[in-house]
C-alpha atoms as a PDB file:
ATOM      1  CA  MET A   1    -142.935 203.297  27.915  1.00  0.00           C
ATOM      2  CA  ASN A   2    -143.052 206.608  26.054  1.00  0.00           C
ATOM      3  CA  ARG A   3    -140.142 208.619  24.760  1.00  0.00           C
ATOM      4  CA  ALA A   4    -140.104 212.321  25.555  1.00  0.00           C
ATOM      5  CA  SER A   5    -140.184 213.072  21.838  1.00  0.00           C
ATOM      6  CA  GLU A   6    -143.504 211.217  21.551  1.00  0.00           C
ATOM      7  CA  PHE A   7    -145.186 213.835  23.747  1.00  0.00           C
ATOM      8  CA  ARG A   8    -144.613 216.601  21.239  1.00  0.00           C
ATOM      9  CA  GLN A   9    -147.724 217.629  19.360  1.00  0.00           C
ATOM     10  CA  LYS A  10    -150.134 215.742  21.610  1.00  0.00           C
ATOM     11  CA  GLU A  11    -153.158 217.822  22.526  1.00  0.00           C
ATOM     12  CA  VAL A  12    -153.562 218.657  26.221  1.00  0.00           C
ATOM     13  CA  ILE A  13    -157.092 218.613  27.643  1.00  0.00           C
ATOM     14  CA  ASN A  14    -158.096 219.639  31.160  1.00  0.00           C
ATOM     15  CA  ILE A  15    -160.417 217.012  32.640  1.00  0.00           C
ATOM     16  CA  ALA A  16    -161.755 219.465  35.223  1.00  0.00           C
ATOM     17  CA  ASP A  17    -163.662 221.463  32.610  1.00  0.00           C
ATOM     18  CA  GLY A  18    -162.993 219.778  29.234  1.00  0.00           C
ATOM     19  CA  ARG A  19    -161.021 222.756  27.949  1.00  0.00           C
ATOM     20  CA  ARG A  20    -158.442 222.212  25.232  1.00  0.00           C
ATOM     21  CA  LEU A  21    -155.261 223.851  26.468  1.00  0.00           C
ATOM     22  CA  GLY A  22    -153.063 223.392  23.415  1.00  0.00           C
ATOM     23  CA  PHE A  23    -150.415 221.047  22.110  1.00  0.00           C
ATOM     24  CA  VAL A  24    -147.248 219.943  23.881  1.00  0.00           C
ATOM     25  CA  SER A  25    -144.263 221.867  22.588  1.00  0.00           C
ATOM     26  CA  ASP A  26    -141.639 220.522  24.977  1.00  0.00           C
ATOM     27  CA  VAL A  27    -141.043 218.500  28.122  1.00  0.00           C
ATOM     28  CA  GLU A  28    -138.878 219.128  31.170  1.00  0.00           C
ATOM     29  CA  VAL A  29    -136.764 216.129  32.079  1.00  0.00           C
ATOM     30  CA  ASN A  30    -134.724 215.578  35.216  1.00  0.00           C
ATOM     31  CA  LEU A  31    -131.470 214.342  33.711  1.00  0.00           C
ATOM     32  CA  GLU A  32    -130.242 212.849  36.983  1.00  0.00           C
ATOM     33  CA  ASP A  33    -133.016 210.274  37.228  1.00  0.00           C
ATOM     34  CA  GLY A  34    -134.459 210.411  33.708  1.00  0.00           C
ATOM     35  CA  ARG A  35    -137.980 211.367  34.797  1.00  0.00           C
ATOM     36  CA  ILE A  36    -140.307 213.821  33.131  1.00  0.00           C
ATOM     37  CA  GLU A  37    -141.039 216.698  35.503  1.00  0.00           C
ATOM     38  CA  ALA A  38    -143.424 218.780  33.385  1.00  0.00           C
ATOM     39  CA  ILE A  39    -144.994 219.244  29.996  1.00  0.00           C
ATOM     40  CA  ILE A  40    -144.913 222.624  28.313  1.00  0.00           C
ATOM     41  CA  ILE A  41    -147.501 224.162  26.040  1.00  0.00           C
ATOM     42  CA  PRO A  42    -147.000 227.467  24.218  1.00  0.00           C
ATOM     43  CA  GLY A  43    -148.952 230.513  25.302  1.00  0.00           C
ATOM     44  CA  GLY A  44    -151.126 232.744  23.193  1.00  0.00           C
ATOM     45  CA  GLY A  45    -150.113 235.661  21.045  1.00  0.00           C
ATOM     46  CA  ARG A  46    -148.151 233.755  18.470  1.00  0.00           C
ATOM     47  CA  PHE A  47    -148.740 233.877  14.762  1.00  0.00           C
ATOM     48  CA  PHE A  48    -148.913 230.264  13.580  1.00  0.00           C
ATOM     49  CA  GLY A  49    -146.457 229.375  16.353  1.00  0.00           C
ATOM     50  CA  LEU A  50    -143.637 231.267  14.675  1.00  0.00           C
ATOM     51  CA  ILE A  51    -143.748 234.980  15.339  1.00  0.00           C
ATOM     52  CA  GLY A  52    -144.363 236.901  18.514  1.00  0.00           C
ATOM     53  CA  LYS A  53    -143.460 236.795  22.154  1.00  0.00           C
ATOM     54  CA  ASP A  54    -145.431 234.465  24.330  1.00  0.00           C
ATOM     55  CA  ASN A  55    -145.456 232.706  27.654  1.00  0.00           C
ATOM     56  CA  GLU A  56    -144.979 229.024  28.047  1.00  0.00           C
ATOM     57  CA  PHE A  57    -147.317 227.172  30.361  1.00  0.00           C
ATOM     58  CA  VAL A  58    -145.571 224.582  32.479  1.00  0.00           C
ATOM     59  CA  ILE A  59    -147.833 221.803  33.677  1.00  0.00           C
ATOM     60  CA  PRO A  60    -146.257 219.703  36.457  1.00  0.00           C
ATOM     61  CA  TRP A  61    -146.130 215.984  35.757  1.00  0.00           C
ATOM     62  CA  GLU A  62    -148.184 215.336  38.912  1.00  0.00           C
ATOM     63  CA  ARG A  63    -151.118 217.011  37.109  1.00  0.00           C
ATOM     64  CA  VAL A  64    -150.937 214.597  34.153  1.00  0.00           C
ATOM     65  CA  LYS A  65    -153.638 211.975  34.652  1.00  0.00           C
ATOM     66  CA  LYS A  66    -153.534 209.979  31.417  1.00  0.00           C
ATOM     67  CA  VAL A  67    -151.369 209.865  28.318  1.00  0.00           C
ATOM     68  CA  GLY A  68    -153.161 208.557  25.258  1.00  0.00           C
ATOM     69  CA  GLU A  69    -152.133 208.050  21.678  1.00  0.00           C
ATOM     70  CA  ASP A  70    -153.191 211.568  20.600  1.00  0.00           C
ATOM     71  CA  ILE A  71    -154.031 213.433  23.804  1.00  0.00           C
ATOM     72  CA  ILE A  72    -152.813 214.059  27.322  1.00  0.00           C
ATOM     73  CA  LEU A  73    -155.395 214.526  30.069  1.00  0.00           C
ATOM     74  CA  VAL A  74    -154.449 216.881  32.902  1.00  0.00           C
ATOM     75  CA  ASP A  75    -156.263 218.064  36.009  1.00  0.00           C
ATOM     76  CA  MET A  76    -155.648 221.789  36.417  1.00  0.00           C
ATOM     77  CA  ASP A  77    -157.447 223.986  38.905  1.00  0.00           C
ATOM     78  CA  GLU A  78    -159.656 226.874  37.864  1.00  0.00           C
ATOM     79  CA  ARG A  79    -157.167 229.567  38.974  1.00  0.00           C
ATOM     80  CA  PHE A  80    -154.572 228.334  36.504  1.00  0.00           C
ATOM     81  CA  ILE A  81    -157.106 228.120  33.712  1.00  0.00           C
ATOM     82  CA  ARG A  82    -158.470 231.629  34.317  1.00  0.00           C
ATOM     83  CA  LYS A  83    -155.006 233.145  34.631  1.00  0.00           C
ATOM     84  CA  TYR A  84    -153.644 231.761  31.376  1.00  0.00           C
ATOM     85  CA  PHE A  85    -156.550 230.845  29.149  1.00  0.00           C
ATOM     86  CA  ASP A  86    -159.304 233.424  29.650  1.00  0.00           C
END
């Protein structure tokens, strides 16, 4: 079992194309049943993660395929990738 805090700073990689999407900055948890609903990675446009306005990319938990020690593998479709990462 993993704690939500253990997801922070794991790198997220899309298995559909091998693209590195970023590092987990937060998780969404359903407090009623204690389940993780999504992982969140910060968007671009930040200066060392501190300064600047950015979007957060919410990846639904259903898209998470494998959680490893250092990485999280997700399966995101090409539309999502093009919209946020190109």
